[in-house]
């Protein structure tokens, strides 16, 4: 603007007054309000649309990062499956009745927080009292003292580490072992249902260019393989402790793009924190998982993961459109203003008018279809 004012009389032979007017027009046009407004406005609109879908983001940087995801790692229970188990089979050892096996298992799990434990308690139809001496081992099982006797309920490896002979039977599905005073009482087989939106989520993530879909689970290999086969996942790792999940998350990070981990429970908190983007299922997730995550899906539906990616890409497109529109209009009117073909009214339109256009364009995010 200063150069236009100083050079105008010498280049065009015009008056200093005309040079000053054109310089002022140039100053009004070059006001950066629209440009500064367009980027945060685009992210605010994207975050607002995500919130309407029950997807809560802890910052605009996570909304932007979702479009760069190339690897998605899922937890199984409560994430891809409903996490509402049912006891299908009660398999006591010789000399033990099914009622007795379920009795000790339900009492030991009466104060436990894991979905498997809650399903065992539900399967026992009698009244229960809360067990005072309860130790819940993350990813393993529970140990409790019931009626003066030591009860262990959990995975085969958990009982074996405690010195219990768990037998050589091959696990099928989700299998829980029960021991009383160091002696195996029997096994419980449980089943879980795949969430209705899990298959759609996997299909849409493929369509969005996610190249690697992985599931990590602490359940048996047979239970994990069955879910992985039904959903068409690339890799399934079973029988994992929380530390094992964390190690896999670190190993699976792609060279190009980002890794998102989707989980729900307390066991998943380390993995959620270690991933580039941690996504917690808020409907069933623990407080620890919600605090560790960057994105919270309130409805607990895995379809929200591809929806978040669609919104991320749509937000980026809108922001780029705003930048191109603003710079294009301002540069055009700047040239016209210097040439004297645009007056102050055009300068105001190039500033305030473009701001309004950017606002209107950002609101288009609320009309974006979320189907991948």
Protein backbone atom coordinates (compact mmCIF):
# COMPACT_ATOMS: atom_id res chain seq x y z
CA UNK A 1 0.00 0.00 0.00
CA UNK A 2 2.87 2.38 0.80
CA UNK A 3 4.53 1.57 -2.54
CA UNK A 4 1.27 2.18 -4.43
CA UNK A 5 0.89 5.55 -2.69
CA UNK A 6 4.48 6.64 -3.34
CA UNK A 7 4.87 5.32 -6.91
CA UNK A 8 1.40 6.06 -8.28
CA UNK A 9 1.96 9.76 -9.19
CA UNK A 10 5.29 8.97 -10.91
CA UNK A 11 4.12 5.87 -12.82
CA UNK A 12 0.67 7.08 -13.92
CA UNK A 13 1.00 10.83 -13.60
CA UNK A 14 -2.06 10.88 -11.37
CA UNK A 15 -2.57 12.85 -8.20
CA UNK A 16 -1.41 11.99 -4.73
CA UNK A 17 -5.06 11.87 -3.67
CA UNK A 18 -5.82 9.08 -6.15
CA UNK A 19 -2.70 7.22 -5.03
CA UNK A 20 -3.78 7.49 -1.39
CA UNK A 21 -7.27 6.24 -2.22
CA UNK A 22 -5.93 3.19 -4.10
CA UNK A 23 -3.53 2.47 -1.26
CA UNK A 24 -6.41 2.53 1.23
CA UNK A 25 -8.46 0.23 -1.02
CA UNK A 26 -5.50 -2.16 -1.10
CA UNK A 27 -5.25 -2.10 2.71
CA UNK A 28 -8.92 -2.98 3.14
CA UNK A 29 -8.69 -5.82 0.64
CA UNK A 30 -5.57 -7.30 2.22
CA UNK A 31 -7.11 -7.52 5.71
CA UNK A 32 -6.45 -11.16 6.76
CA UNK A 33 -9.64 -11.62 8.83
CA UNK A 34 -11.28 -14.01 6.37
CA UNK A 35 -8.16 -16.13 5.99
CA UNK A 36 -7.51 -16.28 9.73
CA UNK A 37 -11.16 -17.12 10.37
CA UNK A 38 -11.61 -19.81 7.73
CA UNK A 39 -9.31 -22.50 9.16
CA UNK A 40 -10.50 -22.64 12.80
CA UNK A 41 -14.06 -22.15 11.60
CA UNK A 42 -13.75 -25.21 9.36
CA UNK A 43 -12.46 -27.30 12.26
CA UNK A 44 -15.12 -26.00 14.65
CA UNK A 45 -17.81 -26.99 12.17
CA UNK A 46 -16.24 -30.43 11.70
CA UNK A 47 -16.02 -31.01 15.46
CA UNK A 48 -19.63 -29.89 15.85
CA UNK A 49 -20.83 -32.29 13.15
CA UNK A 50 -18.83 -35.11 14.74
CA UNK A 51 -20.43 -34.35 18.12
CA UNK A 52 -23.88 -34.65 16.55
CA UNK A 53 -22.89 -38.17 15.50
CA UNK A 54 -21.75 -39.00 19.03
CA UNK A 55 -18.06 -38.67 18.16
CA UNK A 56 -16.27 -36.46 20.68
CA UNK A 57 -12.82 -35.19 19.73
CA UNK A 58 -10.39 -33.73 22.27
CA UNK A 59 -8.93 -31.30 19.75
CA UNK A 60 -8.99 -30.22 16.11
CA UNK A 61 -5.58 -31.86 15.59
CA UNK A 62 -7.21 -35.28 16.08
CA UNK A 63 -9.93 -34.44 13.57
CA UNK A 64 -7.24 -33.56 11.06
CA UNK A 65 -5.22 -36.69 11.88
CA UNK A 66 -8.10 -39.10 11.24
CA UNK A 67 -7.81 -38.62 7.46
CA UNK A 68 -4.22 -39.90 7.59
CA UNK A 69 -5.02 -43.25 9.24
CA UNK A 70 -3.72 -46.27 7.31
CA UNK A 71 -3.79 -48.93 10.05
CA UNK A 72 -6.69 -49.57 12.43
CA UNK A 73 -6.20 -51.92 15.38
CA UNK A 74 -9.32 -53.13 17.19
CA UNK A 75 -9.83 -54.65 20.58
CA UNK A 76 -12.37 -57.48 20.44
CA UNK A 77 -14.61 -57.59 23.49
CA UNK A 78 -16.88 -54.56 23.72
CA UNK A 79 -15.43 -53.04 20.54
CA UNK A 80 -16.14 -55.41 17.66
CA UNK A 81 -18.34 -57.62 19.80
CA UNK A 82 -21.13 -56.56 22.11
CA UNK A 83 -19.28 -57.56 25.28
CA UNK A 84 -22.46 -59.17 26.60
CA UNK A 85 -21.50 -62.78 27.10
CA UNK A 86 -23.68 -65.75 27.89
CA UNK A 87 -22.60 -69.02 29.47
CA UNK A 88 -23.23 -71.68 26.84
CA UNK A 89 -21.65 -74.71 28.50
CA UNK A 90 -20.80 -75.69 32.07
CA UNK A 91 -18.16 -78.45 31.98
CA UNK A 92 -17.33 -79.74 35.47
CA UNK A 93 -14.71 -82.38 36.19
CA UNK A 94 -15.67 -85.79 37.50
CA UNK A 95 -17.17 -85.57 40.95
CA UNK A 96 -18.21 -81.92 40.56
CA UNK A 97 -21.76 -80.91 39.70
CA UNK A 98 -22.52 -78.10 37.21
CA UNK A 99 -24.33 -76.21 39.98
CA UNK A 100 -21.29 -76.42 42.24
CA UNK A 101 -18.93 -75.22 39.50
CA UNK A 102 -21.16 -72.25 38.68
CA UNK A 103 -21.64 -71.48 42.38
CA UNK A 104 -17.93 -70.98 43.13
CA UNK A 105 -17.30 -69.11 39.87
CA UNK A 106 -20.22 -66.70 40.43
CA UNK A 107 -19.19 -65.91 44.00
CA UNK A 108 -15.60 -65.21 42.97
CA UNK A 109 -16.78 -62.93 40.17
CA UNK A 110 -19.52 -61.21 42.18
CA UNK A 111 -17.50 -58.00 42.59
CA UNK A 112 -15.44 -58.20 39.39
CA UNK A 113 -15.79 -55.58 36.65
CA UNK A 114 -14.97 -57.57 33.50
CA UNK A 115 -17.88 -58.48 31.14
CA UNK A 116 -16.97 -62.16 31.40
CA UNK A 117 -17.35 -62.03 35.16
CA UNK A 118 -20.69 -60.23 34.94
CA UNK A 119 -22.01 -62.88 32.55
CA UNK A 120 -21.03 -65.68 34.94
CA UNK A 121 -22.81 -63.92 37.81
CA UNK A 122 -25.87 -63.50 35.60
CA UNK A 123 -25.88 -67.20 34.73
CA UNK A 124 -26.00 -68.10 38.43
CA UNK A 125 -29.62 -67.74 39.50
CA UNK A 126 -29.09 -67.80 43.26
CA UNK A 127 -28.51 -64.86 45.59
CA UNK A 128 -24.96 -63.63 46.08
CA UNK A 129 -22.99 -61.67 48.64
CA UNK A 130 -20.02 -59.50 47.79
CA UNK A 131 -16.62 -61.05 48.32
CA UNK A 132 -14.26 -58.95 50.41
CA UNK A 133 -10.94 -60.56 49.48
CA UNK A 134 -10.96 -60.11 45.75
CA UNK A 135 -7.90 -59.57 43.56
CA UNK A 136 -8.59 -58.84 39.89
CA UNK A 137 -5.58 -59.53 37.65
CA UNK A 138 -5.82 -57.50 34.45
CA UNK A 139 -5.95 -59.79 31.44
CA UNK A 140 -5.83 -62.94 33.59
CA UNK A 141 -8.73 -63.49 35.95
CA UNK A 142 -9.72 -63.11 39.59
CA UNK A 143 -8.71 -64.71 42.85
CA UNK A 144 -11.04 -64.56 45.82
CA UNK A 145 -11.65 -66.14 49.19
CA UNK A 146 -15.16 -67.53 49.48
CA UNK A 147 -16.31 -69.27 52.67
CA UNK A 148 -12.67 -69.53 53.72
CA UNK A 149 -11.59 -71.24 50.48
CA UNK A 150 -9.34 -69.87 47.74
CA UNK A 151 -11.12 -69.61 44.39
CA UNK A 152 -9.41 -68.85 41.08
CA UNK A 153 -11.41 -67.97 37.97
CA UNK A 154 -9.79 -67.00 34.68
CA UNK A 155 -7.72 -68.12 31.72
CA UNK A 156 -5.85 -71.41 31.66
CA UNK A 157 -2.51 -69.60 31.83
CA UNK A 158 -3.69 -67.65 34.89
CA UNK A 159 -4.48 -70.84 36.77
CA UNK A 160 -1.29 -72.55 35.61
CA UNK A 161 0.80 -69.65 36.93
CA UNK A 162 -0.88 -70.22 40.30
CA UNK A 163 0.19 -73.88 40.21
CA UNK A 164 -3.17 -75.38 39.20
CA UNK A 165 -3.14 -78.34 36.82
CA UNK A 166 -5.60 -77.18 34.14
CA UNK A 167 -5.50 -80.21 31.87
CA UNK A 168 -4.64 -80.55 28.22
CA UNK A 169 -8.06 -79.93 26.67
CA UNK A 170 -7.97 -77.57 23.69
CA UNK A 171 -9.91 -74.36 24.25
CA UNK A 172 -12.81 -73.60 21.95
CA UNK A 173 -14.25 -70.12 21.95
CA UNK A 174 -14.06 -68.19 25.21
CA UNK A 175 -13.16 -70.68 27.95
CA UNK A 176 -12.93 -69.81 31.65
CA UNK A 177 -11.34 -72.16 34.18
CA UNK A 178 -12.37 -72.47 37.83
CA UNK A 179 -10.22 -73.84 40.65
CA UNK A 180 -10.94 -74.33 44.37
CA UNK A 181 -8.03 -74.53 46.82
CA UNK A 182 -5.62 -75.29 44.00
CA UNK A 183 -7.74 -78.03 42.41
CA UNK A 184 -9.46 -77.59 39.05
CA UNK A 185 -13.25 -77.79 39.27
CA UNK A 186 -13.99 -77.42 35.57
CA UNK A 187 -14.53 -75.00 32.70
CA UNK A 188 -17.15 -72.56 31.48
CA UNK A 189 -17.62 -71.80 27.80
CA UNK A 190 -19.04 -68.40 26.91
CA UNK A 191 -20.03 -66.75 23.67
CA UNK A 192 -20.23 -63.15 22.52
CA UNK A 193 -22.05 -61.61 19.57
CA UNK A 194 -20.45 -59.45 16.90
CA UNK A 195 -21.85 -55.91 16.89
CA UNK A 196 -24.25 -55.20 14.01
CA UNK A 197 -22.08 -52.32 12.77
CA UNK A 198 -18.74 -54.14 12.90
CA UNK A 199 -18.94 -55.66 9.42
CA UNK A 200 -20.03 -52.33 7.92
CA UNK A 201 -17.19 -50.53 9.70
CA UNK A 202 -14.59 -52.92 8.26
CA UNK A 203 -16.05 -52.61 4.77
CA UNK A 204 -16.12 -48.81 4.89
CA UNK A 205 -12.58 -48.59 6.27
CA UNK A 206 -11.40 -50.66 3.31
CA UNK A 207 -13.18 -48.23 1.01
CA UNK A 208 -11.41 -45.30 2.68
CA UNK A 209 -8.01 -46.79 1.89
CA UNK A 210 -7.11 -48.30 5.27
CA UNK A 211 -4.57 -50.93 4.27
CA UNK A 212 -4.25 -52.93 7.49
CA UNK A 213 -7.06 -54.01 9.82
CA UNK A 214 -5.94 -55.90 12.92
CA UNK A 215 -7.66 -57.30 16.01
CA UNK A 216 -5.98 -57.80 19.39
CA UNK A 217 -7.70 -59.86 22.05
CA UNK A 218 -6.98 -61.57 25.31
CA UNK A 219 -9.38 -64.39 24.40
CA UNK A 220 -8.33 -67.77 23.04
CA UNK A 221 -7.02 -68.15 19.50
CA UNK A 222 -10.17 -70.01 18.42
CA UNK A 223 -12.46 -67.20 19.64
CA UNK A 224 -10.30 -64.52 18.03
CA UNK A 225 -9.92 -66.40 14.75
CA UNK A 226 -13.67 -66.88 14.45
CA UNK A 227 -14.39 -63.15 14.77
CA UNK A 228 -11.51 -62.25 12.46
CA UNK A 229 -12.75 -64.68 9.82
CA UNK A 230 -16.33 -63.37 9.92
CA UNK A 231 -15.20 -59.74 9.60
CA UNK A 232 -12.42 -60.32 7.07
CA UNK A 233 -9.62 -58.78 9.12
CA UNK A 234 -6.00 -58.90 7.94
CA UNK A 235 -4.47 -60.15 11.20
CA UNK A 236 -5.69 -61.46 14.55
CA UNK A 237 -3.50 -61.79 17.65
CA UNK A 238 -5.02 -63.74 20.55
CA UNK A 239 -4.21 -64.60 24.14
CA UNK A 240 -2.66 -61.19 24.81
CA UNK A 241 -2.05 -59.42 28.07
CA UNK A 242 -2.27 -55.58 28.15
CA UNK A 243 1.51 -55.32 27.80
CA UNK A 244 1.38 -57.60 24.74
CA UNK A 245 -1.28 -55.40 23.15
CA UNK A 246 0.87 -52.35 23.74
CA UNK A 247 3.85 -54.05 22.10
CA UNK A 248 1.77 -54.98 19.04
CA UNK A 249 0.45 -51.42 18.71
CA UNK A 250 3.98 -50.07 18.68
CA UNK A 251 5.11 -52.70 16.17
CA UNK A 252 2.19 -52.21 13.79
CA UNK A 253 2.66 -48.47 13.28
CA UNK A 254 2.96 -47.92 9.52
CA UNK A 255 5.87 -46.16 7.83
CA UNK A 256 3.40 -43.92 6.01
CA UNK A 257 0.21 -42.74 7.61
CA UNK A 258 -1.04 -43.13 11.17
CA UNK A 259 -2.30 -45.94 13.40
CA UNK A 260 -5.60 -45.76 15.24
CA UNK A 261 -6.38 -48.09 18.13
CA UNK A 262 -10.04 -48.71 18.99
CA UNK A 263 -10.77 -50.13 22.44
CA UNK A 264 -13.13 -49.92 25.36
CA UNK A 265 -11.78 -51.27 28.62
CA UNK A 266 -9.23 -50.50 31.32
CA UNK A 267 -6.95 -53.11 29.71
CA UNK A 268 -6.81 -50.96 26.58
CA UNK A 269 -5.67 -47.70 28.21
CA UNK A 270 -1.92 -48.23 27.50
CA UNK A 271 -2.62 -49.06 23.86
CA UNK A 272 -4.98 -46.09 23.47
CA UNK A 273 -2.27 -43.78 24.79
CA UNK A 274 0.48 -45.31 22.64
CA UNK A 275 -1.44 -45.16 19.34
CA UNK A 276 -1.25 -42.14 17.05
CA UNK A 277 -5.00 -41.80 17.61
CA UNK A 278 -6.75 -43.57 20.50
CA UNK A 279 -10.48 -44.14 19.99
CA UNK A 280 -12.51 -45.28 23.01
CA UNK A 281 -15.97 -46.78 22.95
CA UNK A 282 -17.69 -44.44 25.40
CA UNK A 283 -20.91 -46.40 25.72
CA UNK A 284 -19.19 -49.36 27.39
CA UNK A 285 -15.69 -48.06 28.08
CA UNK A 286 -14.03 -47.59 31.45
CA UNK A 287 -13.13 -44.14 32.80
CA UNK A 288 -9.44 -44.95 32.39
CA UNK A 289 -9.90 -45.74 28.70
CA UNK A 290 -11.90 -42.55 28.13
CA UNK A 291 -9.19 -40.44 29.73
CA UNK A 292 -6.42 -42.09 27.69
CA UNK A 293 -8.25 -41.74 24.36
CA UNK A 294 -8.12 -38.86 21.88
CA UNK A 295 -11.56 -39.63 20.42
CA UNK A 296 -14.59 -40.98 22.28
CA UNK A 297 -17.43 -42.76 20.48
CA UNK A 298 -20.42 -42.26 22.76
CA UNK A 299 -22.69 -44.83 21.08
CA UNK A 300 -20.05 -47.56 21.12
CA UNK A 301 -20.68 -48.30 17.43
CA UNK A 302 -17.56 -49.18 15.36
CA UNK A 303 -19.19 -47.53 12.32
CA UNK A 304 -18.26 -44.22 13.95
CA UNK A 305 -14.60 -44.86 13.09
CA UNK A 306 -15.05 -44.59 9.28
CA UNK A 307 -17.58 -41.81 9.84
CA UNK A 308 -14.92 -39.82 11.70
CA UNK A 309 -12.51 -40.35 8.81
CA UNK A 310 -15.11 -39.17 6.31
CA UNK A 311 -15.69 -36.02 8.39
CA UNK A 312 -11.94 -35.45 8.64
CA UNK A 313 -11.53 -35.58 4.87
CA UNK A 314 -14.58 -33.40 4.30
CA UNK A 315 -13.26 -30.83 6.80
CA UNK A 316 -9.92 -30.71 5.00
CA UNK A 317 -11.64 -30.19 1.63
CA UNK A 318 -13.75 -27.35 3.00
CA UNK A 319 -10.75 -25.62 4.59
CA UNK A 320 -8.74 -25.86 1.35
CA UNK A 321 -11.74 -24.49 -0.56
CA UNK A 322 -11.97 -21.58 1.87
CA UNK A 323 -8.27 -20.75 1.51
CA UNK A 324 -8.35 -20.91 -2.30
CA UNK A 325 -11.57 -18.87 -2.45
CA UNK A 326 -10.30 -16.19 -0.07
CA UNK A 327 -6.86 -15.79 -1.62
CA UNK A 328 -8.26 -15.93 -5.14
CA UNK A 329 -10.87 -13.24 -4.57
CA UNK A 330 -8.50 -11.00 -2.63
CA UNK A 331 -5.70 -11.21 -5.23
CA UNK A 332 -8.16 -10.48 -8.04
CA UNK A 333 -9.66 -7.46 -6.30
CA UNK A 334 -6.17 -6.26 -5.27
CA UNK A 335 -5.13 -6.12 -8.91
CA UNK A 336 -8.38 -4.37 -9.86
CA UNK A 337 -7.93 -1.91 -6.98
CA UNK A 338 -4.38 -1.03 -8.04
CA UNK A 339 -5.61 -0.48 -11.60
CA UNK A 340 -8.42 1.71 -10.32
CA UNK A 341 -11.13 -0.68 -11.51
CA UNK A 342 -12.33 -1.56 -7.98
CA UNK A 343 -13.40 0.99 -5.39
CA UNK A 344 -13.92 0.86 -1.66
CA UNK A 345 -17.22 -1.02 -1.94
CA UNK A 346 -15.45 -3.83 -3.80
CA UNK A 347 -12.69 -3.83 -1.15
CA UNK A 348 -15.27 -4.22 1.63
CA UNK A 349 -16.94 -7.08 -0.28
CA UNK A 350 -13.54 -8.73 -0.77
CA UNK A 351 -13.06 -8.63 3.00
CA UNK A 352 -16.41 -8.97 4.81
CA UNK A 353 -18.16 -10.65 1.89
CA UNK A 354 -15.51 -13.36 1.61
CA UNK A 355 -15.75 -13.90 5.38
CA UNK A 356 -19.45 -14.63 4.97
CA UNK A 357 -18.73 -16.97 2.05
CA UNK A 358 -16.22 -18.87 4.19
CA UNK A 359 -18.79 -19.18 6.99
CA UNK A 360 -21.41 -20.50 4.57
CA UNK A 361 -18.98 -22.94 2.99
CA UNK A 362 -17.91 -24.26 6.41
CA UNK A 363 -21.54 -24.96 7.31
CA UNK A 364 -21.70 -27.41 4.38
CA UNK A 365 -20.06 -29.97 6.67
CA UNK A 366 -23.49 -30.54 8.24
CA UNK A 367 -24.79 -31.79 4.89
CA UNK A 368 -21.96 -34.22 4.18
CA UNK A 369 -23.08 -37.84 3.81
CA UNK A 370 -21.11 -40.07 6.17
CA UNK A 371 -21.32 -43.28 4.15
CA UNK A 372 -17.83 -44.17 2.98
